[in-house]
Amino acid sequence: MLVRFLSFKPVNQTEDFMFISGNAYFAEGKASKGGVPICWPWFGAAPNGQEGD
C-alpha cells in the first residue's frame, strides 16, 4: 500500500508545514504527483513476531 502525505499543519500553526509544487497534479484514476510517499507496511523485526504466526 502506498500513501502520500499532502498536507501537515500542526494545531498551533496557521500555515501548512509541507510544500506542494504547482506542478503537482491529482486526477481520478491517475497516479498522483506530489506529496511525500510513505510505504506501508514497514519491514523489519516486528515486536509480536511475523504476520501469520
Protein backbone atom coordinates (compact mmCIF):
# COMPACT_ATOMS: atom_id res chain seq x y z
CA MET A 1 0.00 0.00 0.00
CA LEU A 2 1.28 3.47 -0.79
CA VAL A 3 0.10 6.59 0.98
CA ARG A 4 1.05 10.18 0.21
CA PHE A 5 1.09 12.94 2.77
CA LEU A 6 -0.18 16.05 1.01
CA SER A 7 -0.62 18.38 3.94
CA PHE A 8 0.54 18.77 7.51
CA LYS A 9 -0.43 21.70 9.70
CA PRO A 10 0.27 21.47 13.45
CA VAL A 11 -2.61 22.63 15.64
CA ASN A 12 -0.68 25.64 16.92
CA GLN A 13 0.39 26.92 13.47
CA THR A 14 -1.51 28.81 10.80
CA GLU A 15 0.47 27.72 7.74
CA ASP A 16 0.86 24.31 6.18
CA PHE A 17 4.21 22.73 7.04
CA MET A 18 4.53 20.97 3.66
CA PHE A 19 5.22 22.49 0.27
CA ILE A 20 3.40 21.13 -2.77
CA SER A 21 4.75 22.24 -6.14
CA GLY A 22 2.50 23.95 -8.63
CA ASN A 23 3.47 21.09 -10.96
CA ALA A 24 1.76 18.52 -8.71
CA TYR A 25 -1.40 17.03 -10.14
CA PHE A 26 -4.20 14.86 -8.86
CA ALA A 27 -6.71 13.19 -11.16
CA GLU A 28 -9.14 10.32 -10.63
CA GLY A 29 -7.73 7.07 -11.99
CA LYS A 30 -4.22 8.52 -12.37
CA ALA A 31 -1.13 8.24 -10.18
CA SER A 32 -0.72 11.38 -8.12
CA LYS A 33 2.34 13.57 -8.41
CA GLY A 34 3.29 15.48 -5.30
CA GLY A 35 3.42 14.93 -1.58
CA VAL A 36 5.66 12.59 0.40
CA PRO A 37 5.29 8.87 -0.39
CA ILE A 38 5.06 6.56 2.63
CA CYS A 39 5.49 2.81 2.14
CA TRP A 40 3.39 0.61 4.43
CA PRO A 41 3.96 -1.88 5.90
CA TRP A 42 7.44 -1.16 7.11
CA PHE A 43 9.73 -4.13 7.06
CA GLY A 44 11.95 -5.38 9.86
CA ALA A 45 11.65 -7.09 13.20
CA ALA A 46 8.07 -6.98 14.46
CA PRO A 47 7.52 -6.76 18.22
CA ASN A 48 4.90 -9.56 18.11
CA GLY A 49 6.58 -11.90 15.64
CA GLN A 50 5.84 -12.28 11.95
CA GLU A 51 2.42 -11.89 10.42
CA GLY A 52 0.64 -15.22 10.27
CA ASP A 53 2.30 -16.70 13.37
